[in-house]
Protein backbone atom coordinates (compact mmCIF):
# COMPACT_ATOMS: atom_id res chain seq x y z
CA MET A 1 0.79 -11.13 33.72
CA MET A 2 -0.62 -12.26 30.39
CA LEU A 3 1.85 -15.12 29.83
CA ASN A 4 2.17 -18.07 32.20
CA ASP A 5 5.52 -19.55 33.16
CA LYS A 6 5.33 -22.36 30.60
CA VAL A 7 4.68 -19.95 27.73
CA ARG A 8 7.36 -17.58 28.95
CA ASP A 9 9.90 -20.41 28.93
CA GLN A 10 8.88 -21.41 25.39
CA VAL A 11 9.14 -17.84 24.13
CA LYS A 12 12.49 -17.31 25.82
CA LYS A 13 13.84 -20.40 24.06
CA LYS A 14 12.45 -19.25 20.69
CA PHE A 15 13.93 -15.79 21.14
CA GLU A 16 17.40 -17.24 21.75
CA THR A 17 17.70 -17.62 17.97
CA LEU A 18 16.91 -13.97 17.16
CA LYS A 19 19.59 -12.56 14.88
CA ASN A 20 19.16 -8.76 15.04
CA PRO A 21 17.36 -6.45 17.49
CA VAL A 22 13.61 -5.95 17.16
CA LYS A 23 11.49 -3.04 18.36
CA LEU A 24 7.84 -3.48 19.26
CA ILE A 25 6.45 0.01 18.78
CA ILE A 26 3.13 0.42 20.56
CA PHE A 27 0.52 3.05 19.74
CA THR A 28 -1.96 3.50 22.54
CA GLN A 29 -3.93 5.99 24.60
CA GLU A 30 -5.25 5.99 28.15
CA PHE A 31 -8.92 6.58 27.38
CA GLU A 32 -11.45 5.08 24.99
CA CYS A 33 -9.28 2.14 23.98
CA ASP A 34 -10.46 -1.06 25.61
CA TYR A 35 -7.59 -3.24 24.41
CA CYS A 36 -4.65 -0.83 24.55
CA HIS A 37 -3.50 -1.94 27.99
CA ASP A 38 -3.43 -5.60 26.95
CA ALA A 39 -1.46 -4.87 23.76
CA ARG A 40 1.13 -2.89 25.66
CA SER A 41 1.38 -5.44 28.48
CA LEU A 42 1.89 -8.27 26.00
CA ALA A 43 4.69 -6.41 24.20
CA GLU A 44 6.40 -5.49 27.46
CA GLU A 45 6.28 -9.08 28.69
CA LEU A 46 7.88 -10.26 25.45
CA ALA A 47 10.63 -7.67 25.80
CA GLU A 48 11.45 -9.07 29.24
CA LEU A 49 12.30 -12.41 27.64
CA SER A 50 15.11 -11.27 25.33
CA ASP A 51 17.71 -8.52 25.32
CA LYS A 52 17.15 -8.30 21.55
CA VAL A 53 13.53 -7.17 21.95
CA ARG A 54 12.58 -3.74 23.25
CA VAL A 55 9.44 -1.67 23.43
CA GLU A 56 8.71 1.92 22.45
CA VAL A 57 5.35 3.44 23.38
CA TYR A 58 3.63 6.39 21.69
CA ASP A 59 0.33 8.08 22.38
CA PHE A 60 -2.01 7.94 19.38
CA GLN A 61 -3.23 11.51 19.93
CA GLN A 62 -0.22 13.21 21.50
CA ASP A 63 2.49 11.87 19.17
CA PRO A 64 1.08 12.81 15.75
CA GLU A 65 4.47 12.82 14.01
CA LYS A 66 5.10 9.18 14.95
CA THR A 67 1.50 8.24 14.18
CA GLN A 68 1.79 9.69 10.69
CA ALA A 69 5.29 8.36 10.08
CA TYR A 70 4.15 4.79 10.82
CA ARG A 71 0.77 5.29 9.12
CA ILE A 72 -1.22 4.32 12.19
CA ASP A 73 -4.94 5.00 11.83
CA LYS A 74 -6.37 2.91 14.69
CA ILE A 75 -5.34 1.50 18.05
CA PRO A 76 -4.08 -0.55 19.68
CA ALA A 77 -1.33 -0.94 17.12
CA ILE A 78 1.96 -2.83 17.25
CA VAL A 79 4.71 -2.13 14.71
CA VAL A 80 7.28 -4.92 14.50
CA GLU A 81 10.44 -3.15 13.36
CA GLY A 82 13.88 -4.59 12.65
CA GLU A 83 16.84 -2.89 11.01
CA LYS A 84 14.16 -0.86 9.22
CA ASP A 85 10.39 -0.58 9.16
CA TYR A 86 9.29 -3.47 6.96
CA GLY A 87 5.60 -2.54 7.12
CA VAL A 88 4.66 -5.31 9.58
CA ARG A 89 1.67 -4.27 11.67
CA TYR A 90 -0.74 -5.71 14.25
CA PHE A 91 -3.96 -3.83 14.89
CA GLY A 92 -5.60 -5.24 17.98
CA VAL A 93 -4.21 -7.69 20.51
CA PRO A 94 -2.52 -10.69 18.85
CA GLY A 95 -3.91 -13.17 21.35
CA GLY A 96 -5.03 -16.78 21.04
CA TYR A 97 -3.73 -18.37 17.85
CA GLU A 98 -2.41 -15.01 16.68
CA PHE A 99 0.20 -15.03 19.44
CA SER A 100 2.11 -17.57 17.35
CA SER A 101 2.05 -15.24 14.34
CA LEU A 102 3.44 -12.41 16.46
CA LEU A 103 6.36 -14.59 17.58
CA GLU A 104 6.98 -15.68 14.00
CA SER A 105 6.89 -12.09 12.75
CA VAL A 106 9.38 -11.04 15.42
CA ARG A 107 11.70 -13.81 14.20
CA LEU A 108 11.09 -12.85 10.57
CA VAL A 109 11.87 -9.17 11.14
CA SER A 110 14.92 -10.08 13.20
CA GLU A 111 16.22 -12.12 10.27
CA GLY A 112 15.27 -9.43 7.77
CA LYS A 113 14.85 -12.16 5.20
CA ALA A 114 11.53 -13.47 3.88
CA ASP A 115 10.76 -17.16 3.59
CA ILE A 116 9.23 -17.11 0.11
CA SER A 117 9.87 -18.72 -3.28
CA GLU A 118 12.02 -17.30 -6.05
CA ASP A 119 8.92 -16.91 -8.20
CA THR A 120 7.30 -14.77 -5.51
CA LYS A 121 10.46 -12.67 -5.15
CA LYS A 122 10.52 -12.03 -8.91
CA PHE A 123 6.87 -11.03 -8.81
CA LEU A 124 7.48 -8.59 -5.94
CA ASP A 125 10.49 -7.12 -7.76
CA SER A 126 8.26 -6.47 -10.77
CA LEU A 127 5.66 -4.46 -8.84
CA THR A 128 5.13 -0.94 -10.13
CA GLY A 129 2.76 0.14 -7.36
CA ASP A 130 2.28 -0.47 -3.65
CA LEU A 131 0.29 -3.31 -2.08
CA HIS A 132 -1.52 -2.92 1.24
CA PHE A 133 -2.66 -6.18 2.86
CA GLN A 134 -5.29 -6.21 5.60
CA VAL A 135 -5.68 -9.70 7.04
CA PHE A 136 -8.80 -9.93 9.18
CA VAL A 137 -8.59 -12.49 11.96
CA THR A 138 -10.02 -13.66 15.27
CA PRO A 139 -7.99 -15.12 18.17
CA THR A 140 -9.90 -18.42 17.93
CA CYS A 141 -9.12 -19.04 14.24
CA PRO A 142 -6.40 -21.72 13.83
CA TYR A 143 -5.90 -20.94 10.12
CA CYS A 144 -5.49 -17.17 10.47
CA PRO A 145 -1.82 -17.09 11.52
CA ARG A 146 -0.81 -18.68 8.19
CA ALA A 147 -2.45 -15.84 6.29
CA VAL A 148 -0.89 -13.21 8.55
CA VAL A 149 2.62 -14.66 8.40
CA LEU A 150 2.46 -14.96 4.60
CA ALA A 151 1.46 -11.31 4.29
CA HIS A 152 4.23 -10.30 6.69
CA ASN A 153 6.75 -12.32 4.67
CA LEU A 154 5.77 -10.37 1.58
CA ALA A 155 6.17 -7.10 3.50
CA VAL A 156 9.66 -8.06 4.63
CA ALA A 157 10.56 -9.06 1.08
CA SER A 158 9.43 -5.83 -0.59
CA ASP A 159 9.38 -2.14 0.27
CA LYS A 160 6.26 -1.90 -1.88
CA VAL A 161 4.25 -4.12 0.49
CA ARG A 162 2.83 -3.38 3.92
CA ALA A 163 0.76 -5.91 5.81
CA ASP A 164 -1.66 -5.52 8.70
CA MET A 165 -3.23 -8.07 10.97
CA VAL A 166 -6.62 -6.70 12.01
CA GLU A 167 -8.46 -8.36 14.89
CA VAL A 168 -12.08 -8.23 13.80
CA SER A 169 -13.82 -8.09 17.18
CA GLU A 170 -11.82 -4.99 18.15
CA PHE A 171 -12.65 -3.14 14.93
CA MET A 172 -16.24 -4.02 14.16
CA GLN A 173 -16.69 -1.02 11.89
CA LEU A 174 -14.03 -2.49 9.58
CA ALA A 175 -15.71 -5.89 9.73
CA VAL A 176 -18.85 -4.22 8.40
CA LYS A 177 -16.99 -2.10 5.84
CA TYR A 178 -15.13 -5.08 4.37
CA GLN A 179 -18.02 -7.54 4.83
CA VAL A 180 -16.01 -9.90 7.00
CA GLN A 181 -18.26 -12.90 7.61
CA GLY A 182 -15.52 -15.49 7.94
CA VAL A 183 -11.81 -15.41 8.76
CA PRO A 184 -9.14 -15.19 7.60
CA ARG A 185 -10.26 -12.66 5.00
CA THR A 186 -7.52 -10.76 3.22
CA VAL A 187 -8.24 -7.45 1.54
CA ILE A 188 -5.53 -6.04 -0.74
CA ASN A 189 -5.63 -2.43 -1.89
CA GLU A 190 -9.32 -2.24 -0.92
CA THR A 191 -10.45 -4.22 -3.97
CA ILE A 192 -8.82 -7.67 -4.08
CA VAL A 193 -10.38 -10.11 -1.61
CA LEU A 194 -9.17 -13.58 -0.64
CA GLU A 195 -11.06 -15.96 1.60
CA GLY A 196 -9.17 -18.43 3.79
CA ALA A 197 -5.48 -19.09 4.29
CA VAL A 198 -4.53 -19.46 0.64
CA PRO A 199 -1.13 -20.93 -0.32
CA GLU A 200 1.64 -18.56 -1.42
CA GLN A 201 1.53 -19.55 -5.10
CA MET A 202 -2.25 -19.17 -5.26
CA LEU A 203 -1.96 -15.69 -3.73
CA VAL A 204 0.70 -14.64 -6.24
CA ASP A 205 -1.28 -16.06 -9.17
CA ARG A 206 -4.34 -14.09 -8.07
CA LEU A 207 -2.32 -10.89 -7.74
CA LYS A 208 -0.75 -11.37 -11.18
CA LYS A 209 -4.23 -11.78 -12.66
CA GLU A 210 -5.67 -8.75 -10.84
CA LEU A 211 -2.75 -6.40 -11.43
CA ASN A 212 -2.26 -7.09 -15.14
């Protein structure tokens, strides 16, 4: 078991408020994936704590249609899906501080309603192209969940946004590619980079500047 009794009780209480069903869709494989077992075990333990949460498991290699449909390019991966696929993704095990962001994203997807300002909603409605957020984190970073949850809120709010949490130590090649020296580090559409857990308005202002 990954969760102790105290945590299980806390999660069960939090999940009592879930509005609509949530699927945790796991992409895994048996070999050459050091963290796949932990990601799957964590999701399955969460599903035991609420009848509104269930797990689907797909093999990264043997289920190519699902892999392509959900745009999964690395594992372990967890898709948090509600009434539709909002583009909420976890790549790597959301452990440590990131466990709280996973619980919050489950709640968010269950609600199907983003907790963002009207100004941010107007900005998202005005988008003409897609935005892909990659939020690089470590489990020991107390500020990282704020950056992840903000990105996931934007994904829930707009079909033009998808947002990934990427656990740096599990994907070192991406840490090198995106020059991740500190976390959280958010990379948007490969070119826009934000350091730290920036406030919502600051993020939107930066995007407006970059996209104009």
